């Protein structure tokens, strides 16, 4: 990555990633899907480590969607076990590296032990700001908007919010991501070209990169290459430049 693209637009970038392709990566090697998920978790760790050097201050990783419960019971149980082990193993490493970790999504359906680990990691790293790592776990964009709308409606009912003052700046304050900037770039690996219910509101003006690389093969060099291309994009946010 050259110096110009490393500093990007002069501000820290928020990159969101749909980490897809773990199962296919494992199948190509004649291994079970969970083997691919373990490889994908290691890759996620490496990508987070690379963020500060690449000018990325915020990274959001799509780890488990509200639709992923439809997978086999064995795969879901294996993923939940992986999440617990990953948090236990990396909590102090992430804290030492200055990572502030947050989780978004509906936690109610997750098992209590996993929720406690998530809470503890958030509390441990809450004062860090070298890189902000957000993990979307049991997350769906439509579900998030529905839950946000419920909270907004409750505030209207309680007299805390005047419905006549509600505008497009109001709902984001009720979203899971209320403390985060909107993503500048969304990357999806594995060759699929869809957003899969990920950050639907927040990504209205994000740039997208759909790449063929399977997630366990997504390395620092590929990340840097994509950020190089992003740095060359002309982002007008609906406006037209003079001249």
Protein backbone atom coordinates (compact mmCIF):
# COMPACT_ATOMS: atom_id res chain seq x y z
CA UNK A 1 0.00 0.00 0.00
CA UNK A 2 1.49 3.33 -0.98
CA UNK A 3 1.76 6.24 1.44
CA UNK A 4 -1.04 8.22 -0.13
CA UNK A 5 -3.60 5.43 0.09
CA UNK A 6 -2.42 4.39 3.53
CA UNK A 7 -3.64 7.65 4.98
CA UNK A 8 -6.78 7.44 2.84
CA UNK A 9 -8.82 10.61 2.86
CA UNK A 10 -7.03 12.12 5.83
CA UNK A 11 -9.39 10.62 8.40
CA UNK A 12 -9.74 7.19 9.85
CA UNK A 13 -11.85 4.83 7.80
CA UNK A 14 -14.73 2.64 8.92
CA UNK A 15 -14.66 -0.64 7.02
CA UNK A 16 -17.42 -3.22 7.38
CA UNK A 17 -16.86 -6.79 6.20
CA UNK A 18 -19.26 -9.60 5.35
CA UNK A 19 -16.94 -12.53 6.08
CA UNK A 20 -18.28 -15.12 3.64
CA UNK A 21 -16.86 -18.36 2.28
CA UNK A 22 -15.67 -20.29 5.32
CA UNK A 23 -17.77 -23.34 4.49
CA UNK A 24 -16.71 -23.48 0.85
CA UNK A 25 -13.06 -23.00 1.85
CA UNK A 26 -13.34 -26.04 4.13
CA UNK A 27 -15.19 -28.11 1.53
CA UNK A 28 -12.44 -27.47 -1.03
CA UNK A 29 -10.05 -29.09 1.46
CA UNK A 30 -12.32 -32.00 2.27
CA UNK A 31 -12.90 -30.74 5.81
CA UNK A 32 -16.08 -29.98 7.80
CA UNK A 33 -17.57 -26.50 7.72
CA UNK A 34 -16.46 -25.75 11.28
CA UNK A 35 -12.85 -26.17 10.16
CA UNK A 36 -13.46 -23.24 7.84
CA UNK A 37 -15.04 -21.18 10.61
CA UNK A 38 -11.98 -21.70 12.81
CA UNK A 39 -9.75 -20.58 9.93
CA UNK A 40 -12.02 -17.59 9.39
CA UNK A 41 -11.75 -16.57 13.05
CA UNK A 42 -7.95 -16.55 12.79
CA UNK A 43 -8.18 -14.43 9.67
CA UNK A 44 -10.48 -11.96 11.42
CA UNK A 45 -7.88 -11.58 14.15
CA UNK A 46 -5.16 -10.84 11.59
CA UNK A 47 -7.30 -8.30 9.76
CA UNK A 48 -8.06 -6.46 13.01
CA UNK A 49 -4.34 -6.34 13.80
CA UNK A 50 -3.64 -4.78 10.39
CA UNK A 51 -6.20 -1.99 10.74
CA UNK A 52 -4.13 0.72 12.50
CA UNK A 53 -1.30 0.49 9.97
CA UNK A 54 -3.78 0.72 7.09
CA UNK A 55 -5.56 3.82 8.34
CA UNK A 56 -8.68 1.95 9.48
CA UNK A 57 -9.95 3.19 12.85
CA UNK A 58 -13.26 1.32 12.83
CA UNK A 59 -13.95 -2.19 11.58
CA UNK A 60 -17.28 -4.00 11.77
CA UNK A 61 -17.33 -7.76 11.19
CA UNK A 62 -20.49 -9.71 10.32
CA UNK A 63 -20.02 -12.87 12.40
CA UNK A 64 -23.52 -14.39 12.72
CA UNK A 65 -26.79 -13.21 11.21
CA UNK A 66 -30.35 -13.57 12.43
CA UNK A 67 -30.82 -15.91 9.45
CA UNK A 68 -27.90 -18.17 10.41
CA UNK A 69 -30.05 -19.96 12.99
CA UNK A 70 -31.46 -21.85 9.99
CA UNK A 71 -28.20 -23.79 9.68
CA UNK A 72 -27.82 -27.24 11.19
CA UNK A 73 -27.93 -27.49 14.96
CA UNK A 74 -24.40 -28.90 14.97
CA UNK A 75 -23.00 -25.96 12.99
CA UNK A 76 -24.78 -23.37 15.13
CA UNK A 77 -23.59 -25.04 18.34
CA UNK A 78 -20.06 -25.18 16.95
CA UNK A 79 -20.15 -21.49 16.05
CA UNK A 80 -21.38 -20.49 19.49
CA UNK A 81 -18.60 -22.53 21.08
CA UNK A 82 -16.11 -20.86 18.74
CA UNK A 83 -17.33 -17.40 19.74
CA UNK A 84 -16.91 -18.24 23.43
CA UNK A 85 -13.41 -19.63 22.96
CA UNK A 86 -12.39 -16.74 20.73
CA UNK A 87 -13.45 -14.14 23.29
CA UNK A 88 -11.74 -16.01 26.12
CA UNK A 89 -8.53 -16.42 24.15
CA UNK A 90 -8.20 -12.94 22.68
CA UNK A 91 -9.76 -10.63 25.28
CA UNK A 92 -6.53 -9.51 26.95
CA UNK A 93 -4.62 -9.45 23.65
CA UNK A 94 -7.20 -7.10 22.15
CA UNK A 95 -7.11 -4.90 25.24
CA UNK A 96 -3.29 -4.73 25.18
CA UNK A 97 -3.44 -3.69 21.51
CA UNK A 98 -5.77 -0.80 22.28
CA UNK A 99 -8.86 -2.29 20.66
CA UNK A 100 -12.27 -1.13 21.81
CA UNK A 101 -14.64 -4.05 21.20
CA UNK A 102 -18.42 -3.77 20.86
CA UNK A 103 -21.12 -6.19 19.85
CA UNK A 104 -24.26 -5.34 17.90
CA UNK A 105 -27.33 -7.47 17.34
CA UNK A 106 -30.08 -8.98 19.46
CA UNK A 107 -28.39 -10.70 22.41
CA UNK A 108 -31.55 -12.20 23.92
CA UNK A 109 -31.34 -15.42 21.91
CA UNK A 110 -27.66 -15.99 22.79
CA UNK A 111 -26.78 -18.22 25.73
CA UNK A 112 -26.11 -16.45 29.06
CA UNK A 113 -22.45 -17.49 29.24
CA UNK A 114 -21.72 -15.98 25.84
CA UNK A 115 -23.59 -12.80 26.76
CA UNK A 116 -21.52 -12.46 29.94
CA UNK A 117 -18.30 -12.87 27.98
CA UNK A 118 -19.46 -10.21 25.52
CA UNK A 119 -20.34 -7.82 28.34
CA UNK A 120 -17.00 -8.43 30.08
CA UNK A 121 -15.01 -7.82 26.89
CA UNK A 122 -16.88 -4.59 26.19
CA UNK A 123 -16.24 -3.41 29.74
CA UNK A 124 -12.56 -4.41 29.63
CA UNK A 125 -11.87 -2.50 26.40
CA UNK A 126 -14.30 0.42 26.67
CA UNK A 127 -11.62 3.09 27.19
CA UNK A 128 -9.42 2.01 24.25
CA UNK A 129 -9.41 3.93 20.99
CA UNK A 130 -6.57 2.69 18.79
CA UNK A 131 -9.02 0.63 16.75
CA UNK A 132 -12.75 0.18 17.25
CA UNK A 133 -13.84 -3.39 16.58
CA UNK A 134 -17.56 -4.09 16.25
CA UNK A 135 -18.78 -7.66 15.96
CA UNK A 136 -22.27 -8.24 14.56
CA UNK A 137 -23.61 -11.30 16.39
CA UNK A 138 -27.20 -12.46 15.90
CA UNK A 139 -27.53 -9.33 13.80
CA UNK A 140 -29.89 -8.45 10.97
CA UNK A 141 -30.40 -5.00 9.50
CA UNK A 142 -34.19 -5.26 9.35
CA UNK A 143 -34.31 -6.66 12.88
CA UNK A 144 -32.14 -3.79 14.08
CA UNK A 145 -34.42 -1.17 12.50
CA UNK A 146 -37.50 -2.90 13.95
CA UNK A 147 -35.98 -2.93 17.45
CA UNK A 148 -34.90 0.70 17.09
CA UNK A 149 -38.39 1.68 15.98
CA UNK A 150 -39.87 -0.03 19.03
CA UNK A 151 -37.58 1.95 21.34
CA UNK A 152 -38.39 5.17 19.49
CA UNK A 153 -42.14 4.45 19.77
CA UNK A 154 -41.78 3.80 23.49
CA UNK A 155 -40.13 7.21 23.93
CA UNK A 156 -42.96 8.86 21.98
CA UNK A 157 -45.53 7.06 24.14
CA UNK A 158 -43.71 8.13 27.31
CA UNK A 159 -43.66 11.75 26.17
CA UNK A 160 -39.86 11.82 25.84
CA UNK A 161 -39.97 12.42 22.09
CA UNK A 162 -42.20 14.70 20.03
CA UNK A 163 -43.29 12.80 16.88
CA UNK A 164 -43.28 16.06 14.92
CA UNK A 165 -39.53 16.37 15.47
CA UNK A 166 -38.65 12.93 14.09
CA UNK A 167 -36.48 13.07 10.98
CA UNK A 168 -33.73 10.99 9.37
CA UNK A 169 -31.32 12.03 12.12
CA UNK A 170 -33.57 10.58 14.83
CA UNK A 171 -33.64 6.86 14.09
CA UNK A 172 -29.82 6.39 14.05
CA UNK A 173 -29.79 7.40 17.72
CA UNK A 174 -31.80 4.24 18.46
CA UNK A 175 -29.78 1.85 16.29
CA UNK A 176 -27.25 -0.62 17.71
CA UNK A 177 -24.55 1.44 15.99
CA UNK A 178 -25.53 4.77 17.56
CA UNK A 179 -21.99 5.25 18.88
CA UNK A 180 -20.30 4.55 15.53
CA UNK A 181 -19.71 6.51 12.32
CA UNK A 182 -21.37 5.13 9.21
CA UNK A 183 -19.16 2.74 7.22
CA UNK A 184 -17.13 4.21 4.40
CA UNK A 185 -16.56 0.86 2.71
CA UNK A 186 -18.33 -2.50 2.83
CA UNK A 187 -16.43 -5.57 1.64
CA UNK A 188 -18.01 -8.95 0.89
CA UNK A 189 -15.82 -11.95 0.22
CA UNK A 190 -16.51 -15.25 -1.62
CA UNK A 191 -17.98 -13.97 -4.89
CA UNK A 192 -21.51 -13.26 -3.71
CA UNK A 193 -22.88 -9.85 -4.72
CA UNK A 194 -25.55 -9.06 -2.15
CA UNK A 195 -25.68 -7.18 1.15
CA UNK A 196 -27.45 -9.93 3.13
CA UNK A 197 -29.32 -7.67 5.53
CA UNK A 198 -26.13 -6.04 6.83
CA UNK A 199 -26.06 -2.42 8.06
CA UNK A 200 -28.94 -1.47 5.77
CA UNK A 201 -29.50 2.02 7.17
CA UNK A 202 -25.87 2.84 7.88
CA UNK A 203 -24.53 1.87 4.45
CA UNK A 204 -26.71 4.22 2.40
CA UNK A 205 -23.63 6.01 1.03
CA UNK A 206 -20.95 3.39 1.60
CA UNK A 207 -18.76 2.15 -1.21
CA UNK A 208 -18.93 -1.60 -1.90
CA UNK A 209 -16.35 -4.20 -2.93
CA UNK A 210 -17.52 -7.68 -3.87
CA UNK A 211 -14.52 -9.97 -4.28
CA UNK A 212 -14.09 -13.64 -5.17
CA UNK A 213 -11.59 -14.40 -2.39
CA UNK A 214 -12.95 -16.75 0.27
CA UNK A 215 -12.72 -15.25 3.74
CA UNK A 216 -10.00 -17.55 5.15
CA UNK A 217 -7.79 -16.48 2.20
CA UNK A 218 -8.39 -12.75 2.77
CA UNK A 219 -5.04 -11.46 3.96
CA UNK A 220 -3.42 -8.11 4.74
CA UNK A 221 -2.21 -7.71 1.14
CA UNK A 222 -5.74 -8.14 -0.25
CA UNK A 223 -7.07 -5.73 2.37
CA UNK A 224 -4.45 -3.14 1.41
CA UNK A 225 -5.23 -3.62 -2.30
CA UNK A 226 -8.92 -2.91 -1.72
CA UNK A 227 -8.12 0.17 0.36
CA UNK A 228 -5.88 1.39 -2.46
CA UNK A 229 -8.82 1.18 -4.86
CA UNK A 230 -11.13 2.83 -2.35
CA UNK A 231 -8.74 5.78 -2.02
CA UNK A 232 -9.16 6.43 -5.76
CA UNK A 233 -12.94 6.58 -5.68
CA UNK A 234 -14.76 9.88 -6.06
CA UNK A 235 -17.35 10.02 -3.29
CA UNK A 236 -19.87 12.85 -3.95
CA UNK A 237 -22.74 11.76 -1.66
CA UNK A 238 -25.31 12.82 -4.26
CA UNK A 239 -23.69 16.16 -5.09
CA UNK A 240 -22.09 17.25 -8.35
CA UNK A 241 -18.65 18.79 -8.34
CA UNK A 242 -18.27 22.20 -9.96
CA UNK A 243 -16.40 22.20 -13.22
